[in-house]
Amino acid sequence: MQLALNPRARPALLVLLVVICLLMAGQIARLLGLEGARGLLCLTNLATLVICIRLSWRQALIAVGGLAVLAVPAVLSQGDPLMATAVIAAAALGLGLSARGQLQPVYWLMMVSICMLITQSTLPANPSATQLTSLVIAVLSSGGLSLLLHHLLLGRLAAAQPKPMAAVAHSWRRCLAYGLLLASTALITTPIAVLHHWHTNGLWLILTPFLVLRPFVRDSWKVALHRSLGTLAGVALVIGLARVLPHTLPILLLAIVMAVITAMIAARHGHPAVMVSSLTATIVLFNSNSSDLPLMADQRLQACGLGIAICLGVMALAHPIEQSLQSQRTG
């Protein structure tokens, strides 16, 4: 495919790739009888592409496999706060360990799908083995086909511009501490989301700490500011679109457009606040319809506000401990 060898064609091919993968997710959901999981598979494909673009196809394959493994206990944890918290805590530890190569900002995108399975599962409370198998097949096939399409459209160009190996940024002890810090927030957010049946609000609440917290607490204050600004901007964008655009315009079309923009920002390593703003609008659009779009955006803002407050509280407790440990090492 000669077009893929031309770097100037990359943006157009990237847009085409995202659109195809999002449309393909809907078809896979329909074929497997999981129409309600269309949004889940769309976000999974978007996360797969971003990880592949920013890191490598191997890292994306690991992420898809991890999601498929956690999908079953996540679905089975409906109405069970203890099991749901265990699933989120396990994912938190994995995300913390990925910080060794500074991979957690990219892997975080897969957390959206895991949290959706817990807070907004489209399967019944007691799914059959066939339904669980179909879900796993849907995740693996959807993510796998996304990787294959990336290879066909952008593989030769990516091979001509190899990505540098991820440098070791933190010790394993620091990564484990970071994972435990993330898991500690799950002990607060997940029971609230599950016990109170917050559904979409619970999704935003659980996700927020994974985007705000960083391996070093001192780095999280600035990230919390970017998160707040990005969330506000994303919510304002969705509310503005709801007021300006006609109600007959399909929400899925808007969601696909925002997903393409999000992938472009990720590919260009855009500012974190801009990335959060675009991703916020994308997730809200994939989980809304024309009638409840403004309400969904408002609920997103409230849940993220509570999530950021929880993060600030955890950071305030962890900061003096971090400083004390650093003083002992340098003393």
C-alpha atoms as a PDB file:
ATOM      1  CA  MET A   1       0.000   0.000   0.000  1.00  0.00           C
ATOM      2  CA  GLN A   2       2.067   2.892  -1.302  1.00  0.00           C
ATOM      3  CA  LEU A   3      -0.168   5.527   0.247  1.00  0.00           C
ATOM      4  CA  ALA A   4       0.811   4.378   3.697  1.00  0.00           C
ATOM      5  CA  LEU A   5       4.432   5.191   2.934  1.00  0.00           C
ATOM      6  CA  ASN A   6       3.666   8.868   2.463  1.00  0.00           C
ATOM      7  CA  PRO A   7       3.836  10.650   5.854  1.00  0.00           C
ATOM      8  CA  ARG A   8       1.536  13.394   4.550  1.00  0.00           C
ATOM      9  CA  ALA A   9      -1.227  10.819   4.121  1.00  0.00           C
ATOM     10  CA  ARG A  10      -1.077   9.763   7.774  1.00  0.00           C
ATOM     11  CA  PRO A  11      -3.797  12.139   9.118  1.00  0.00           C
ATOM     12  CA  ALA A  12      -6.288  11.086   6.448  1.00  0.00           C
ATOM     13  CA  LEU A  13      -5.503   7.407   6.973  1.00  0.00           C
ATOM     14  CA  LEU A  14      -5.838   7.842  10.728  1.00  0.00           C
ATOM     15  CA  VAL A  15      -9.282   9.404  10.345  1.00  0.00           C
ATOM     16  CA  LEU A  16     -10.329   6.580   8.005  1.00  0.00           C
ATOM     17  CA  LEU A  17      -8.977   3.987  10.437  1.00  0.00           C
ATOM     18  CA  VAL A  18     -10.865   5.383  13.446  1.00  0.00           C
ATOM     19  CA  VAL A  19     -14.150   5.641  11.537  1.00  0.00           C
ATOM     20  CA  ILE A  20     -13.872   2.072  10.202  1.00  0.00           C
ATOM     21  CA  CYS A  21     -13.006   0.656  13.620  1.00  0.00           C
ATOM     22  CA  LEU A  22     -15.910   2.433  15.327  1.00  0.00           C
ATOM     23  CA  LEU A  23     -18.398   1.294  12.691  1.00  0.00           C
ATOM     24  CA  MET A  24     -16.944  -2.223  12.852  1.00  0.00           C
ATOM     25  CA  ALA A  25     -17.535  -2.331  16.615  1.00  0.00           C
ATOM     26  CA  GLY A  26     -21.245  -1.777  16.071  1.00  0.00           C
ATOM     27  CA  GLN A  27     -21.410  -4.594  13.528  1.00  0.00           C
ATOM     28  CA  ILE A  28     -19.594  -7.021  15.832  1.00  0.00           C
ATOM     29  CA  ALA A  29     -21.978  -6.146  18.677  1.00  0.00           C
ATOM     30  CA  ARG A  30     -24.975  -6.790  16.418  1.00  0.00           C
ATOM     31  CA  LEU A  31     -23.648 -10.099  15.070  1.00  0.00           C
ATOM     32  CA  LEU A  32     -22.999 -11.441  18.565  1.00  0.00           C
ATOM     33  CA  GLY A  33     -26.342 -10.259  19.930  1.00  0.00           C
ATOM     34  CA  LEU A  34     -24.755  -7.593  22.132  1.00  0.00           C
ATOM     35  CA  GLU A  35     -26.339  -4.474  20.640  1.00  0.00           C
ATOM     36  CA  GLY A  36     -26.226  -2.742  24.015  1.00  0.00           C
ATOM     37  CA  ALA A  37     -22.440  -3.167  24.133  1.00  0.00           C
ATOM     38  CA  ARG A  38     -21.847  -1.056  21.025  1.00  0.00           C
ATOM     39  CA  GLY A  39     -20.581   1.924  23.037  1.00  0.00           C
ATOM     40  CA  LEU A  40     -18.322  -0.353  25.084  1.00  0.00           C
ATOM     41  CA  LEU A  41     -16.734  -1.862  21.973  1.00  0.00           C
ATOM     42  CA  CYS A  42     -16.370   1.550  20.314  1.00  0.00           C
ATOM     43  CA  LEU A  43     -14.443   2.902  23.296  1.00  0.00           C
ATOM     44  CA  THR A  44     -12.394  -0.306  23.454  1.00  0.00           C
ATOM     45  CA  ASN A  45     -11.416   0.094  19.801  1.00  0.00           C
ATOM     46  CA  LEU A  46     -10.531   3.745  20.344  1.00  0.00           C
ATOM     47  CA  ALA A  47      -8.337   2.804  23.310  1.00  0.00           C
ATOM     48  CA  THR A  48      -6.703   0.021  21.287  1.00  0.00           C
ATOM     49  CA  LEU A  49      -5.828   2.400  18.461  1.00  0.00           C
ATOM     50  CA  VAL A  50      -4.458   5.071  20.797  1.00  0.00           C
ATOM     51  CA  ILE A  51      -2.243   2.540  22.603  1.00  0.00           C
ATOM     52  CA  CYS A  52      -1.052   1.142  19.279  1.00  0.00           C
ATOM     53  CA  ILE A  53      -0.279   4.619  17.929  1.00  0.00           C
ATOM     54  CA  ARG A  54       1.406   5.916  21.064  1.00  0.00           C
ATOM     55  CA  LEU A  55       3.194   2.708  22.094  1.00  0.00           C
ATOM     56  CA  SER A  56       3.131  -0.423  19.922  1.00  0.00           C
ATOM     57  CA  TRP A  57       0.840  -3.150  18.669  1.00  0.00           C
ATOM     58  CA  ARG A  58       2.259  -5.508  21.301  1.00  0.00           C
ATOM     59  CA  GLN A  59       1.258  -3.183  24.126  1.00  0.00           C
ATOM     60  CA  ALA A  60      -2.194  -2.779  22.575  1.00  0.00           C
ATOM     61  CA  LEU A  61      -2.565  -6.557  22.325  1.00  0.00           C
ATOM     62  CA  ILE A  62      -1.667  -6.909  26.012  1.00  0.00           C
ATOM     63  CA  ALA A  63      -4.270  -4.279  26.885  1.00  0.00           C
ATOM     64  CA  VAL A  64      -7.005  -6.010  24.863  1.00  0.00           C
ATOM     65  CA  GLY A  65      -6.132  -9.355  26.427  1.00  0.00           C
ATOM     66  CA  GLY A  66      -6.212  -7.848  29.908  1.00  0.00           C
ATOM     67  CA  LEU A  67      -9.622  -6.323  29.233  1.00  0.00           C
ATOM     68  CA  ALA A  68     -10.952  -9.677  27.996  1.00  0.00           C
ATOM     69  CA  VAL A  69      -9.706 -11.385  31.180  1.00  0.00           C
ATOM     70  CA  LEU A  70     -11.261  -8.767  33.478  1.00  0.00           C
ATOM     71  CA  ALA A  71     -14.497  -8.557  31.487  1.00  0.00           C
ATOM     72  CA  VAL A  72     -15.994 -11.702  33.028  1.00  0.00           C
ATOM     73  CA  PRO A  73     -15.498 -10.814  36.730  1.00  0.00           C
ATOM     74  CA  ALA A  74     -16.480  -7.211  35.954  1.00  0.00           C
ATOM     75  CA  VAL A  75     -19.843  -8.308  34.538  1.00  0.00           C
ATOM     76  CA  LEU A  76     -20.406 -10.811  37.348  1.00  0.00           C
ATOM     77  CA  SER A  77     -19.781  -8.067  39.944  1.00  0.00           C
ATOM     78  CA  GLN A  78     -23.088  -6.306  39.205  1.00  0.00           C
ATOM     79  CA  GLY A  79     -24.654  -5.401  42.534  1.00  0.00           C
ATOM     80  CA  ASP A  80     -21.659  -6.835  44.422  1.00  0.00           C
ATOM     81  CA  PRO A  81     -19.552  -3.918  45.725  1.00  0.00           C
ATOM     82  CA  LEU A  82     -16.872  -6.212  47.177  1.00  0.00           C
ATOM     83  CA  MET A  83     -16.245  -8.038  43.902  1.00  0.00           C
ATOM     84  CA  ALA A  84     -16.481  -4.827  41.870  1.00  0.00           C
ATOM     85  CA  THR A  85     -13.933  -3.157  44.146  1.00  0.00           C
ATOM     86  CA  ALA A  86     -11.609  -6.170  43.800  1.00  0.00           C
ATOM     87  CA  VAL A  87     -11.769  -5.926  39.984  1.00  0.00           C
ATOM     88  CA  ILE A  88     -11.032  -2.194  39.979  1.00  0.00           C
ATOM     89  CA  ALA A  89      -8.257  -2.638  42.560  1.00  0.00           C
ATOM     90  CA  ALA A  90      -6.621  -5.363  40.432  1.00  0.00           C
ATOM     91  CA  ALA A  91      -6.751  -3.098  37.390  1.00  0.00           C
ATOM     92  CA  ALA A  92      -5.342  -0.279  39.527  1.00  0.00           C
ATOM     93  CA  LEU A  93      -2.337  -2.371  40.535  1.00  0.00           C
ATOM     94  CA  GLY A  94      -1.693  -3.256  36.907  1.00  0.00           C
ATOM     95  CA  LEU A  95      -1.931   0.377  35.908  1.00  0.00           C
ATOM     96  CA  GLY A  96       0.450   1.319  38.704  1.00  0.00           C
ATOM     97  CA  LEU A  97       3.063  -1.184  37.532  1.00  0.00           C
ATOM     98  CA  SER A  98       2.819   0.201  33.988  1.00  0.00           C
ATOM     99  CA  ALA A  99       4.158   3.501  35.350  1.00  0.00           C
ATOM    100  CA  ARG A 100       7.659   1.997  35.299  1.00  0.00           C
ATOM    101  CA  GLY A 101       7.809   2.895  31.610  1.00  0.00           C
ATOM    102  CA  GLN A 102       5.413   5.863  31.931  1.00  0.00           C
ATOM    103  CA  LEU A 103       2.726   3.915  30.093  1.00  0.00           C
ATOM    104  CA  GLN A 104      -0.147   4.577  32.520  1.00  0.00           C
ATOM    105  CA  PRO A 105      -1.515   7.731  30.776  1.00  0.00           C
ATOM    106  CA  VAL A 106      -2.151   5.628  27.667  1.00  0.00           C
ATOM    107  CA  TYR A 107      -3.275   2.411  29.353  1.00  0.00           C
ATOM    108  CA  TRP A 108      -5.784   4.487  31.331  1.00  0.00           C
ATOM    109  CA  LEU A 109      -8.061   4.491  28.308  1.00  0.00           C
ATOM    110  CA  MET A 110      -8.783   0.785  28.821  1.00  0.00           C
ATOM    111  CA  MET A 111     -10.031   1.605  32.318  1.00  0.00           C
ATOM    112  CA  VAL A 112     -13.033   3.266  30.689  1.00  0.00           C
ATOM    113  CA  SER A 113     -14.187  -0.062  29.285  1.00  0.00           C
ATOM    114  CA  ILE A 114     -13.606  -1.921  32.566  1.00  0.00           C
ATOM    115  CA  CYS A 115     -15.586   0.661  34.528  1.00  0.00           C
ATOM    116  CA  MET A 116     -18.378   0.566  31.949  1.00  0.00           C
ATOM    117  CA  LEU A 117     -18.693  -3.198  32.426  1.00  0.00           C
ATOM    118  CA  ILE A 118     -19.124  -2.687  36.171  1.00  0.00           C
ATOM    119  CA  THR A 119     -21.385   0.354  36.205  1.00  0.00           C
ATOM    120  CA  GLN A 120     -23.276   0.054  32.913  1.00  0.00           C
ATOM    121  CA  SER A 121     -23.222  -3.611  31.937  1.00  0.00           C
ATOM    122  CA  THR A 122     -25.708  -4.476  29.212  1.00  0.00           C
ATOM    123  CA  LEU A 123     -25.796  -8.122  30.280  1.00  0.00           C
ATOM    124  CA  PRO A 124     -28.291  -9.413  32.883  1.00  0.00           C
ATOM    125  CA  ALA A 125     -27.329  -9.676  36.547  1.00  0.00           C
ATOM    126  CA  ASN A 126     -26.828 -13.447  36.158  1.00  0.00           C
ATOM    127  CA  PRO A 127     -25.462 -13.837  32.630  1.00  0.00           C
ATOM    128  CA  SER A 128     -25.214 -17.252  31.043  1.00  0.00           C
ATOM    129  CA  ALA A 129     -21.952 -18.841  29.983  1.00  0.00           C
ATOM    130  CA  THR A 130     -22.922 -18.178  26.363  1.00  0.00           C
ATOM    131  CA  GLN A 131     -23.396 -14.462  27.010  1.00  0.00           C
ATOM    132  CA  LEU A 132     -20.077 -14.197  28.838  1.00  0.00           C
ATOM    133  CA  THR A 133     -18.333 -16.058  26.041  1.00  0.00           C
ATOM    134  CA  SER A 134     -19.897 -13.747  23.465  1.00  0.00           C
ATOM    135  CA  LEU A 135     -18.655 -10.717  25.380  1.00  0.00           C
ATOM    136  CA  VAL A 136     -15.086 -12.037  25.539  1.00  0.00           C
ATOM    137  CA  ILE A 137     -15.188 -12.912  21.838  1.00  0.00           C
ATOM    138  CA  ALA A 138     -16.535  -9.435  21.051  1.00  0.00           C
ATOM    139  CA  VAL A 139     -13.714  -7.711  22.952  1.00  0.00           C
ATOM    140  CA  LEU A 140     -10.979  -9.898  21.452  1.00  0.00           C
ATOM    141  CA  SER A 141     -12.292  -9.802  17.894  1.00  0.00           C
ATOM    142  CA  SER A 142     -13.049  -6.078  17.962  1.00  0.00           C
ATOM    143  CA  GLY A 143      -9.651  -5.151  19.404  1.00  0.00           C
ATOM    144  CA  GLY A 144      -7.838  -7.682  17.217  1.00  0.00           C
ATOM    145  CA  LEU A 145      -9.433  -6.422  14.017  1.00  0.00           C
ATOM    146  CA  SER A 146      -8.561  -2.850  15.013  1.00  0.00           C
ATOM    147  CA  LEU A 147      -4.909  -3.871  15.301  1.00  0.00           C
ATOM    148  CA  LEU A 148      -5.077  -5.648  11.959  1.00  0.00           C
ATOM    149  CA  LEU A 149      -6.574  -2.587  10.254  1.00  0.00           C
ATOM    150  CA  HIS A 150      -3.913  -0.386  11.831  1.00  0.00           C
ATOM    151  CA  HIS A 151      -1.248  -2.673  10.403  1.00  0.00           C
ATOM    152  CA  LEU A 152      -2.826  -2.636   6.933  1.00  0.00           C
ATOM    153  CA  LEU A 153      -3.346   1.142   6.761  1.00  0.00           C
ATOM    154  CA  LEU A 154      -0.481   2.534   8.841  1.00  0.00           C
ATOM    155  CA  GLY A 155       1.834  -0.426   9.432  1.00  0.00           C
ATOM    156  CA  ARG A 156       4.417   0.356   6.751  1.00  0.00           C
ATOM    157  CA  LEU A 157       4.606   4.015   7.738  1.00  0.00           C
ATOM    158  CA  ALA A 158       4.947   3.039  11.409  1.00  0.00           C
ATOM    159  CA  ALA A 159       7.745   0.611  10.504  1.00  0.00           C
ATOM    160  CA  ALA A 160       9.554   3.408   8.693  1.00  0.00           C
ATOM    161  CA  GLN A 161       9.284   5.571  11.816  1.00  0.00           C
ATOM    162  CA  PRO A 162       9.908   3.160  14.717  1.00  0.00           C
ATOM    163  CA  LYS A 163       8.930   4.327  18.206  1.00  0.00           C
ATOM    164  CA  PRO A 164      11.685   4.651  20.816  1.00  0.00           C
ATOM    165  CA  MET A 165      11.731   2.095  23.601  1.00  0.00           C
ATOM    166  CA  ALA A 166      10.010   3.253  26.780  1.00  0.00           C
ATOM    167  CA  ALA A 167      12.635   4.405  29.267  1.00  0.00           C
ATOM    168  CA  VAL A 168      12.500   3.208  32.870  1.00  0.00           C
ATOM    169  CA  ALA A 169      11.046   6.128  34.796  1.00  0.00           C
ATOM    170  CA  HIS A 170      10.312   4.684  38.251  1.00  0.00           C
ATOM    171  CA  SER A 171      11.454   1.842  40.475  1.00  0.00           C
ATOM    172  CA  TRP A 172       9.237  -1.179  41.004  1.00  0.00           C
ATOM    173  CA  ARG A 173       8.733  -0.072  44.620  1.00  0.00           C
ATOM    174  CA  ARG A 174       7.480   3.326  43.481  1.00  0.00           C
ATOM    175  CA  CYS A 175       5.184   1.701  40.907  1.00  0.00           C
ATOM    176  CA  LEU A 176       3.760  -0.677  43.502  1.00  0.00           C
ATOM    177  CA  ALA A 177       3.138   2.251  45.868  1.00  0.00           C
ATOM    178  CA  TYR A 178       1.417   4.090  43.036  1.00  0.00           C
ATOM    179  CA  GLY A 179      -0.762   1.071  42.289  1.00  0.00           C
ATOM    180  CA  LEU A 180      -1.729   0.792  45.955  1.00  0.00           C
ATOM    181  CA  LEU A 181      -2.577   4.497  45.997  1.00  0.00           C
ATOM    182  CA  LEU A 182      -4.896   4.024  43.021  1.00  0.00           C
ATOM    183  CA  ALA A 183      -6.410   0.929  44.634  1.00  0.00           C
ATOM    184  CA  SER A 184      -7.083   2.903  47.829  1.00  0.00           C
ATOM    185  CA  THR A 185      -9.271   5.339  45.902  1.00  0.00           C
ATOM    186  CA  ALA A 186     -11.182   2.377  44.431  1.00  0.00           C
ATOM    187  CA  LEU A 187     -12.049   1.371  48.007  1.00  0.00           C
ATOM    188  CA  ILE A 188     -13.978   4.649  48.246  1.00  0.00           C
ATOM    189  CA  THR A 189     -15.341   5.304  44.779  1.00  0.00           C
ATOM    190  CA  THR A 190     -16.427   1.804  43.693  1.00  0.00           C
ATOM    191  CA  PRO A 191     -18.706   1.010  46.671  1.00  0.00           C
ATOM    192  CA  ILE A 192     -20.360   4.424  46.297  1.00  0.00           C
ATOM    193  CA  ALA A 193     -20.998   3.811  42.611  1.00  0.00           C
ATOM    194  CA  VAL A 194     -22.281   0.236  43.048  1.00  0.00           C
ATOM    195  CA  LEU A 195     -24.309   0.566  46.259  1.00  0.00           C
ATOM    196  CA  HIS A 196     -26.088   3.718  45.096  1.00  0.00           C
ATOM    197  CA  HIS A 197     -26.600   2.412  41.538  1.00  0.00           C
ATOM    198  CA  TRP A 198     -24.999   5.495  40.030  1.00  0.00           C
ATOM    199  CA  HIS A 199     -24.460   3.808  36.671  1.00  0.00           C
ATOM    200  CA  THR A 200     -23.019   6.519  34.383  1.00  0.00           C
ATOM    201  CA  ASN A 201     -22.247   8.825  37.308  1.00  0.00           C
ATOM    202  CA  GLY A 202     -20.412   5.928  38.919  1.00  0.00           C
ATOM    203  CA  LEU A 203     -18.345   5.502  35.768  1.00  0.00           C
ATOM    204  CA  TRP A 204     -17.092   9.088  35.993  1.00  0.00           C
ATOM    205  CA  LEU A 205     -16.504   8.814  39.739  1.00  0.00           C
ATOM    206  CA  ILE A 206     -14.373   5.667  39.511  1.00  0.00           C
ATOM    207  CA  LEU A 207     -12.396   6.878  36.499  1.00  0.00           C
ATOM    208  CA  THR A 208     -11.335  10.258  37.855  1.00  0.00           C
ATOM    209  CA  PRO A 209      -8.573   9.109  40.265  1.00  0.00           C
ATOM    210  CA  PHE A 210      -6.949   7.023  37.531  1.00  0.00           C
ATOM    211  CA  LEU A 211      -6.468  10.124  35.433  1.00  0.00           C
ATOM    212  CA  VAL A 212      -5.557  12.543  38.222  1.00  0.00           C
ATOM    213  CA  LEU A 213      -3.131  10.627  40.443  1.00  0.00           C
ATOM    214  CA  ARG A 214       0.514  10.222  39.445  1.00  0.00           C
ATOM    215  CA  PRO A 215       3.414   8.125  40.825  1.00  0.00           C
ATOM    216  CA  PHE A 216       4.692  11.163  42.740  1.00  0.00           C
ATOM    217  CA  VAL A 217       2.017  13.035  44.673  1.00  0.00           C
ATOM    218  CA  ARG A 218       3.697  16.368  43.997  1.00  0.00           C
ATOM    219  CA  ASP A 219       3.048  15.833  40.278  1.00  0.00           C
ATOM    220  CA  SER A 220      -0.656  15.188  40.829  1.00  0.00           C
ATOM    221  CA  TRP A 221      -1.618  18.730  41.834  1.00  0.00           C
ATOM    222  CA  LYS A 222      -0.966  20.098  38.357  1.00  0.00           C
ATOM    223  CA  VAL A 223      -2.665  17.103  36.752  1.00  0.00           C
ATOM    224  CA  ALA A 224      -5.733  17.675  38.938  1.00  0.00           C
ATOM    225  CA  LEU A 225      -5.889  21.230  37.620  1.00  0.00           C
ATOM    226  CA  HIS A 226      -5.624  20.041  34.009  1.00  0.00           C
ATOM    227  CA  ARG A 227      -8.279  17.409  34.699  1.00  0.00           C
ATOM    228  CA  SER A 228     -10.646  19.996  36.152  1.00  0.00           C
ATOM    229  CA  LEU A 229     -10.160  22.428  33.276  1.00  0.00           C
ATOM    230  CA  GLY A 230     -10.430  19.674  30.676  1.00  0.00           C
ATOM    231  CA  THR A 231     -13.604  18.299  32.217  1.00  0.00           C
ATOM    232  CA  LEU A 232     -15.211  21.726  32.362  1.00  0.00           C
ATOM    233  CA  ALA A 233     -14.277  22.376  28.742  1.00  0.00           C
ATOM    234  CA  GLY A 234     -15.569  18.965  27.621  1.00  0.00           C
ATOM    235  CA  VAL A 235     -18.865  19.416  29.443  1.00  0.00           C
ATOM    236  CA  ALA A 236     -19.259  22.940  28.059  1.00  0.00           C
ATOM    237  CA  LEU A 237     -18.619  21.586  24.562  1.00  0.00           C
ATOM    238  CA  VAL A 238     -21.300  18.894  24.929  1.00  0.00           C
ATOM    239  CA  ILE A 239     -23.843  21.365  26.334  1.00  0.00           C
ATOM    240  CA  GLY A 240     -23.078  23.763  23.499  1.00  0.00           C
ATOM    241  CA  LEU A 241     -23.529  21.032  20.906  1.00  0.00           C
ATOM    242  CA  ALA A 242     -26.837  19.985  22.495  1.00  0.00           C
ATOM    243  CA  ARG A 243     -28.181  23.532  22.200  1.00  0.00           C
ATOM    244  CA  VAL A 244     -26.902  24.334  18.709  1.00  0.00           C
ATOM    245  CA  LEU A 245     -27.237  21.119  16.723  1.00  0.00           C
ATOM    246  CA  PRO A 246     -30.623  19.752  15.603  1.00  0.00           C
ATOM    247  CA  HIS A 247     -32.119  16.911  17.652  1.00  0.00           C
ATOM    248  CA  THR A 248     -32.478  14.837  14.491  1.00  0.00           C
ATOM    249  CA  LEU A 249     -28.702  14.614  14.118  1.00  0.00           C
ATOM    250  CA  PRO A 250     -27.540  11.147  15.289  1.00  0.00           C
ATOM    251  CA  ILE A 251     -25.540  11.275  18.516  1.00  0.00           C
ATOM    252  CA  LEU A 252     -23.421   8.372  17.256  1.00  0.00           C
ATOM    253  CA  LEU A 253     -22.190  10.545  14.390  1.00  0.00           C
ATOM    254  CA  LEU A 254     -21.071  13.251  16.828  1.00  0.00           C
ATOM    255  CA  ALA A 255     -19.423  10.617  19.007  1.00  0.00           C
ATOM    256  CA  ILE A 256     -17.453   9.257  16.043  1.00  0.00           C
ATOM    257  CA  VAL A 257     -16.310  12.774  15.093  1.00  0.00           C
ATOM    258  CA  MET A 258     -15.119  13.439  18.661  1.00  0.00           C
ATOM    259  CA  ALA A 259     -13.419  10.031  18.770  1.00  0.00           C
ATOM    260  CA  VAL A 260     -11.490  10.912  15.608  1.00  0.00           C
ATOM    261  CA  ILE A 261     -10.453  14.235  17.157  1.00  0.00           C
ATOM    262  CA  THR A 262      -9.361  12.441  20.341  1.00  0.00           C
ATOM    263  CA  ALA A 263      -7.213  10.002  18.350  1.00  0.00           C
ATOM    264  CA  MET A 264      -5.627  12.890  16.438  1.00  0.00           C
ATOM    265  CA  ILE A 265      -4.814  14.739  19.675  1.00  0.00           C
ATOM    266  CA  ALA A 266      -3.296  11.564  21.140  1.00  0.00           C
ATOM    267  CA  ALA A 267      -1.229  10.962  18.005  1.00  0.00           C
ATOM    268  CA  ARG A 268       0.133  14.514  18.194  1.00  0.00           C
ATOM    269  CA  HIS A 269       0.783  14.303  21.969  1.00  0.00           C
ATOM    270  CA  GLY A 270      -1.562  17.212  22.643  1.00  0.00           C
ATOM    271  CA  HIS A 271      -1.847  19.139  25.906  1.00  0.00           C
ATOM    272  CA  PRO A 272      -3.349  16.994  28.723  1.00  0.00           C
ATOM    273  CA  ALA A 273      -6.224  19.419  29.323  1.00  0.00           C
ATOM    274  CA  VAL A 274      -7.122  19.372  25.627  1.00  0.00           C
ATOM    275  CA  MET A 275      -6.930  15.572  25.578  1.00  0.00           C
ATOM    276  CA  VAL A 276      -9.194  15.296  28.636  1.00  0.00           C
ATOM    277  CA  SER A 277     -11.660  17.757  27.129  1.00  0.00           C
ATOM    278  CA  SER A 278     -11.949  15.797  23.894  1.00  0.00           C
ATOM    279  CA  LEU A 279     -12.105  12.447  25.669  1.00  0.00           C
ATOM    280  CA  THR A 280     -14.773  13.752  28.060  1.00  0.00           C
ATOM    281  CA  ALA A 281     -16.990  14.833  25.177  1.00  0.00           C
ATOM    282  CA  THR A 282     -16.410  11.510  23.398  1.00  0.00           C
ATOM    283  CA  ILE A 283     -17.410   9.345  26.365  1.00  0.00           C
ATOM    284  CA  VAL A 284     -20.447  11.484  27.184  1.00  0.00           C
ATOM    285  CA  LEU A 285     -21.659  11.287  23.578  1.00  0.00           C
ATOM    286  CA  PHE A 286     -21.218   7.514  23.416  1.00  0.00           C
ATOM    287  CA  ASN A 287     -23.368   7.180  26.563  1.00  0.00           C
ATOM    288  CA  SER A 288     -26.158   9.639  25.755  1.00  0.00           C
ATOM    289  CA  ASN A 289     -29.060  10.331  23.466  1.00  0.00           C
ATOM    290  CA  SER A 290     -30.417  13.614  22.130  1.00  0.00           C
ATOM    291  CA  SER A 291     -32.949  14.058  24.937  1.00  0.00           C
ATOM    292  CA  ASP A 292     -30.665  13.519  27.931  1.00  0.00           C
ATOM    293  CA  LEU A 293     -27.427  14.998  26.549  1.00  0.00           C
ATOM    294  CA  PRO A 294     -27.392  18.199  28.684  1.00  0.00           C
ATOM    295  CA  LEU A 295     -28.367  16.229  31.805  1.00  0.00           C
ATOM    296  CA  MET A 296     -25.642  13.663  31.158  1.00  0.00           C
ATOM    297  CA  ALA A 297     -23.037  16.401  30.812  1.00  0.00           C
ATOM    298  CA  ASP A 298     -24.170  18.013  34.068  1.00  0.00           C
ATOM    299  CA  GLN A 299     -24.008  14.673  35.910  1.00  0.00           C
ATOM    300  CA  ARG A 300     -20.548  14.094  34.457  1.00  0.00           C
ATOM    301  CA  LEU A 301     -19.404  17.371  35.974  1.00  0.00           C
ATOM    302  CA  GLN A 302     -20.817  16.535  39.420  1.00  0.00           C
ATOM    303  CA  ALA A 303     -19.311  13.048  39.519  1.00  0.00           C
ATOM    304  CA  CYS A 304     -15.896  14.280  38.411  1.00  0.00           C
ATOM    305  CA  GLY A 305     -16.039  17.027  41.014  1.00  0.00           C
ATOM    306  CA  LEU A 306     -16.581  14.429  43.729  1.00  0.00           C
ATOM    307  CA  GLY A 307     -13.839  12.248  42.240  1.00  0.00           C
ATOM    308  CA  ILE A 308     -11.372  15.135  42.236  1.00  0.00           C
ATOM    309  CA  ALA A 309     -12.300  15.947  45.860  1.00  0.00           C
ATOM    310  CA  ILE A 310     -11.541  12.330  46.822  1.00  0.00           C
ATOM    311  CA  CYS A 311      -8.218  12.540  44.967  1.00  0.00           C
ATOM    312  CA  LEU A 312      -7.264  15.749  46.752  1.00  0.00           C
ATOM    313  CA  GLY A 313      -8.036  14.142  50.102  1.00  0.00           C
ATOM    314  CA  VAL A 314      -5.946  11.055  49.322  1.00  0.00           C
ATOM    315  CA  MET A 315      -3.118  13.235  48.012  1.00  0.00           C
ATOM    316  CA  ALA A 316      -3.187  15.375  51.169  1.00  0.00           C
ATOM    317  CA  LEU A 317      -2.756  12.225  53.259  1.00  0.00           C
ATOM    318  CA  ALA A 318      -0.098  10.670  51.019  1.00  0.00           C
ATOM    319  CA  HIS A 319       2.030  13.800  50.495  1.00  0.00           C
ATOM    320  CA  PRO A 320       3.598  13.989  54.012  1.00  0.00           C
ATOM    321  CA  ILE A 321       4.245  10.229  53.936  1.00  0.00           C
ATOM    322  CA  GLU A 322       6.009  10.605  50.585  1.00  0.00           C
ATOM    323  CA  GLN A 323       8.112  13.509  51.865  1.00  0.00           C
ATOM    324  CA  SER A 324       9.043  11.591  55.031  1.00  0.00           C
ATOM    325  CA  LEU A 325      10.205   8.567  53.049  1.00  0.00           C
ATOM    326  CA  GLN A 326      12.248  10.744  50.698  1.00  0.00           C
ATOM    327  CA  SER A 327      13.896  12.499  53.653  1.00  0.00           C
ATOM    328  CA  GLN A 328      14.881   9.144  55.160  1.00  0.00           C
ATOM    329  CA  ARG A 329      16.495   8.054  51.901  1.00  0.00           C
ATOM    330  CA  THR A 330      18.466  11.267  51.458  1.00  0.00           C
ATOM    331  CA  GLY A 331      19.289  11.615  55.147  1.00  0.00           C
END
